[in-house]
Protein backbone atom coordinates (compact mmCIF):
# COMPACT_ATOMS: atom_id res chain seq x y z
CA UNK A 1 16.63 -0.47 -16.73
CA UNK A 2 17.23 2.04 -14.12
CA UNK A 3 19.02 0.21 -11.11
CA UNK A 4 18.79 2.75 -7.33
CA UNK A 5 22.26 2.77 -5.42
CA UNK A 6 22.76 0.18 -2.50
CA UNK A 7 21.97 2.51 0.79
CA UNK A 8 25.16 3.63 2.77
CA UNK A 9 26.41 1.17 4.84
CA UNK A 10 25.23 -1.83 3.38
CA UNK A 11 28.58 -2.60 1.34
CA UNK A 12 30.26 -4.32 4.05
CA UNK A 13 29.01 -8.46 2.88
CA UNK A 14 30.81 -11.59 1.99
CA UNK A 15 29.96 -12.87 -1.27
CA UNK A 16 31.61 -16.09 -2.20
CA UNK A 17 31.91 -16.70 -6.22
CA UNK A 18 31.83 -20.44 -6.92
CA UNK A 19 32.75 -20.31 -11.10
CA UNK A 20 35.44 -22.84 -12.34
CA UNK A 21 36.43 -19.87 -15.53
CA UNK A 22 38.23 -17.00 -14.26
CA UNK A 23 36.77 -14.42 -16.85
CA UNK A 24 33.43 -15.37 -14.89
CA UNK A 25 34.43 -14.38 -11.33
CA UNK A 26 36.20 -11.19 -13.07
CA UNK A 27 33.42 -10.34 -14.01
CA UNK A 28 30.96 -10.29 -11.29
CA UNK A 29 33.62 -9.56 -9.06
CA UNK A 30 33.92 -5.49 -10.82
CA UNK A 31 30.19 -5.08 -10.84
CA UNK A 32 29.50 -6.27 -7.58
CA UNK A 33 32.23 -4.11 -6.22
CA UNK A 34 30.30 -0.84 -7.80
CA UNK A 35 27.58 -1.30 -6.64
CA UNK A 36 29.12 -2.83 -2.20
CA UNK A 37 32.65 -1.18 -2.45
CA UNK A 38 33.31 -2.11 0.56
CA UNK A 39 32.45 -5.76 0.58
CA UNK A 40 35.09 -8.52 1.26
CA UNK A 41 35.33 -11.50 -1.77
CA UNK A 42 36.09 -14.27 -1.55
CA UNK A 43 36.64 -17.33 -4.70
CA UNK A 44 36.34 -21.47 -5.14
CA UNK A 45 37.07 -23.22 -8.77
CA UNK A 46 36.22 -26.45 -7.53
CA UNK A 47 33.82 -28.70 -5.72
CA UNK A 48 36.24 -29.40 -3.01
CA UNK A 49 37.92 -25.99 -2.65
CA UNK A 50 34.74 -24.83 -1.79
CA UNK A 51 34.39 -27.46 1.49
CA UNK A 52 37.69 -26.43 2.40
CA UNK A 53 37.15 -23.07 2.25
CA UNK A 54 33.62 -23.65 4.26
CA UNK A 55 34.65 -25.21 7.25
CA UNK A 56 35.93 -22.07 8.52
CA UNK A 57 33.54 -19.08 6.27
CA UNK A 58 30.25 -17.49 6.73
CA UNK A 59 29.11 -16.21 3.73
CA UNK A 60 26.12 -13.32 3.20
CA UNK A 61 26.31 -13.97 -0.54
CA UNK A 62 27.29 -17.10 -2.44
CA UNK A 63 27.61 -16.94 -6.44
CA UNK A 64 26.76 -21.00 -7.65
CA UNK A 65 27.04 -21.75 -10.58
CA UNK A 66 25.87 -26.05 -11.49
CA UNK A 67 28.14 -26.70 -13.10
CA UNK A 68 32.07 -27.45 -11.67
CA UNK A 69 34.94 -29.36 -11.73
CA UNK A 70 35.01 -32.40 -8.79
CA UNK A 71 30.53 -32.32 -8.38
CA UNK A 72 27.54 -30.46 -9.34
CA UNK A 73 26.84 -27.19 -7.50
CA UNK A 74 23.34 -27.78 -6.67
CA UNK A 75 25.52 -29.55 -3.98
CA UNK A 76 26.64 -27.20 -2.52
CA UNK A 77 23.76 -25.24 -2.00
CA UNK A 78 22.41 -27.92 0.10
CA UNK A 79 25.02 -28.69 1.84
CA UNK A 80 25.41 -24.07 2.49
CA UNK A 81 21.49 -24.36 3.13
CA UNK A 82 21.48 -27.42 5.57
CA UNK A 83 24.90 -25.53 7.39
CA UNK A 84 23.34 -21.38 7.40
CA UNK A 85 19.98 -20.50 6.38
CA UNK A 86 20.83 -17.22 6.22
CA UNK A 87 22.81 -17.29 3.32
CA UNK A 88 21.71 -16.16 -0.06
CA UNK A 89 22.11 -18.28 -2.74
CA UNK A 90 22.11 -16.77 -6.22
CA UNK A 91 22.78 -19.57 -9.09
CA UNK A 92 23.74 -18.32 -12.04
CA UNK A 93 24.84 -20.71 -14.64
CA UNK A 94 24.76 -21.58 -18.44
CA UNK A 95 21.81 -23.79 -18.61
CA UNK A 96 18.39 -22.47 -19.16
CA UNK A 97 15.88 -21.60 -16.37
CA UNK A 98 13.19 -24.56 -17.35
CA UNK A 99 15.88 -27.59 -17.05
CA UNK A 100 17.12 -26.74 -13.63
CA UNK A 101 15.78 -23.00 -12.32
CA UNK A 102 12.30 -24.70 -10.51
CA UNK A 103 15.13 -27.69 -9.12
CA UNK A 104 17.50 -25.27 -7.58
CA UNK A 105 14.82 -22.97 -6.08
CA UNK A 106 12.62 -26.53 -4.38
CA UNK A 107 16.66 -27.64 -2.88
CA UNK A 108 17.09 -23.80 -0.99
CA UNK A 109 18.16 -21.86 -4.08
CA UNK A 110 16.88 -17.60 -3.66
CA UNK A 111 17.06 -16.70 -6.86
CA UNK A 112 18.47 -18.35 -10.20
CA UNK A 113 19.74 -16.44 -13.38
CA UNK A 114 21.71 -17.39 -16.64
CA UNK A 115 25.01 -16.71 -17.26
CA UNK A 116 23.00 -14.61 -20.20
CA UNK A 117 21.57 -11.74 -17.79
CA UNK A 118 21.74 -8.44 -18.60
CA UNK A 119 24.52 -7.06 -15.60
CA UNK A 120 20.72 -4.66 -15.02
CA UNK A 121 19.07 -7.66 -13.69
CA UNK A 122 22.18 -9.08 -12.40
CA UNK A 123 22.42 -6.24 -9.54
CA UNK A 124 18.61 -6.96 -9.39
CA UNK A 125 18.72 -10.49 -8.06
CA UNK A 126 21.39 -9.73 -5.93
CA UNK A 127 19.82 -7.17 -4.43
CA UNK A 128 16.74 -9.24 -3.55
CA UNK A 129 18.48 -12.18 -2.40
CA UNK A 130 20.27 -10.18 -0.32
CA UNK A 131 17.05 -8.69 1.08
CA UNK A 132 15.53 -12.13 2.36
CA UNK A 133 13.47 -12.37 -0.61
CA UNK A 134 13.84 -14.79 -4.35
CA UNK A 135 14.87 -13.71 -7.86
CA UNK A 136 13.86 -15.62 -10.71
CA UNK A 137 13.03 -13.77 -13.94
CA UNK A 138 9.07 -12.36 -15.07
CA UNK A 139 9.91 -16.09 -17.70
CA UNK A 140 10.03 -18.18 -15.00
CA UNK A 141 7.17 -16.64 -12.38
CA UNK A 142 3.72 -18.89 -13.75
CA UNK A 143 6.24 -21.80 -14.34
CA UNK A 144 6.98 -21.72 -10.27
CA UNK A 145 4.28 -20.73 -9.32
CA UNK A 146 2.58 -23.61 -10.65
CA UNK A 147 5.13 -25.84 -9.32
CA UNK A 148 5.38 -24.67 -5.86
CA UNK A 149 1.88 -24.17 -5.57
CA UNK A 150 0.24 -27.93 -6.37
CA UNK A 151 1.92 -30.97 -7.88
CA UNK A 152 4.23 -30.81 -10.63
CA UNK A 153 4.41 -33.63 -13.59
CA UNK A 154 7.05 -34.16 -13.18
CA UNK A 155 9.63 -35.39 -15.82
CA UNK A 156 11.69 -38.77 -15.16
CA UNK A 157 14.98 -36.63 -14.39
CA UNK A 158 13.01 -34.60 -12.13
CA UNK A 159 13.30 -38.24 -10.20
CA UNK A 160 17.13 -37.77 -9.04
CA UNK A 161 18.79 -36.83 -6.17
CA UNK A 162 21.96 -33.98 -7.19
CA UNK A 163 24.77 -36.40 -7.30
CA UNK A 164 23.13 -38.31 -9.74
CA UNK A 165 21.91 -36.25 -12.12
CA UNK A 166 26.28 -34.95 -12.27
CA UNK A 167 26.52 -38.37 -12.98
CA UNK A 168 24.21 -38.44 -15.62
CA UNK A 169 25.56 -35.26 -16.76
CA UNK A 170 29.13 -36.89 -16.66
CA UNK A 171 28.36 -40.08 -18.77
CA UNK A 172 26.30 -38.20 -20.79
CA UNK A 173 29.93 -36.24 -21.12
CA UNK A 174 31.56 -40.33 -22.42
CA UNK A 175 33.42 -40.29 -19.13
CA UNK A 176 33.70 -43.52 -17.78
CA UNK A 177 33.68 -44.94 -14.40
CA UNK A 178 36.85 -44.72 -13.42
CA UNK A 179 36.91 -40.60 -14.81
CA UNK A 180 33.70 -39.96 -13.17
CA UNK A 181 35.49 -41.36 -9.32
CA UNK A 182 38.43 -39.13 -10.08
CA UNK A 183 36.11 -36.20 -11.03
CA UNK A 184 34.08 -36.73 -7.83
CA UNK A 185 36.77 -37.95 -5.69
CA UNK A 186 34.58 -41.47 -4.82
CA UNK A 187 34.65 -44.72 -5.83
CA UNK A 188 34.63 -46.56 -8.72
CA UNK A 189 32.10 -48.82 -7.05
CA UNK A 190 29.49 -45.59 -5.72
CA UNK A 191 29.26 -44.63 -8.79
CA UNK A 192 28.76 -48.12 -10.30
CA UNK A 193 25.91 -48.05 -8.29
CA UNK A 194 24.90 -44.17 -9.20
CA UNK A 195 24.47 -45.15 -12.64
CA UNK A 196 22.05 -48.17 -12.00
CA UNK A 197 19.95 -45.98 -10.54
CA UNK A 198 19.79 -43.28 -12.51
CA UNK A 199 19.04 -46.83 -15.31
CA UNK A 200 16.04 -47.67 -13.06
CA UNK A 201 14.79 -43.49 -12.56
CA UNK A 202 15.18 -43.08 -16.05
CA UNK A 203 13.95 -47.33 -17.65
CA UNK A 204 16.88 -46.13 -20.01
CA UNK A 205 20.16 -49.04 -20.05
CA UNK A 206 22.90 -47.98 -21.55
CA UNK A 207 25.31 -45.56 -22.39
CA UNK A 208 23.97 -43.96 -25.31
CA UNK A 209 20.82 -43.97 -24.54
CA UNK A 210 21.36 -42.01 -21.61
CA UNK A 211 23.42 -38.96 -23.64
CA UNK A 212 20.33 -38.80 -26.08
CA UNK A 213 18.42 -38.45 -22.65
CA UNK A 214 20.07 -35.54 -21.72
CA UNK A 215 20.69 -33.77 -24.59
CA UNK A 216 16.79 -34.11 -25.77
CA UNK A 217 16.58 -32.65 -22.35
CA UNK A 218 19.59 -29.77 -22.20
CA UNK A 219 21.28 -31.88 -18.91
CA UNK A 220 24.48 -30.95 -20.48
CA UNK A 221 26.16 -28.40 -23.27
């Protein structure tokens, strides 16, 4: 696949890379610099760092991972769109499209790619969302059209908020309430409240049941 070069004068963009893996950020930056030589790049490795930066910065494009230290990229997605609808957000995750893409797009994401995507697809996605469009892979188009066009039968975890989903994932990874509270910068009481809501919504009571559910639905690695 041949990707046309970006038009001259279109390189002055501010791009934020939000991922806790240096090799991912470095690879993305190198790829995008070839097409946007005048772009300014910022990097954030965690949810708290992003929030600190967002107070005084705005970006044309945010490439956002889902799994981040201190919280979830889905939470940041809603915050970004609440603050500035013009900022394009491209989700880039190791999690499969069928589990997170529709949720992300409903929350306002402009596109969703897995980290297994090839460089050409990444460039096409970036170009499309910066032009004001939406990007989804060909494999996801039909599923997305159904989900956004009419009510879709929900799985139990589709009813969870982004924060509840993140707590579920942390529970499934074997984290204690104290560990989760520390990682998400919230109180243990708040974590316990989320944990209770999750059990109610999923109709599962024990951590083992929750972990099994998360694994079955590919919500954790």
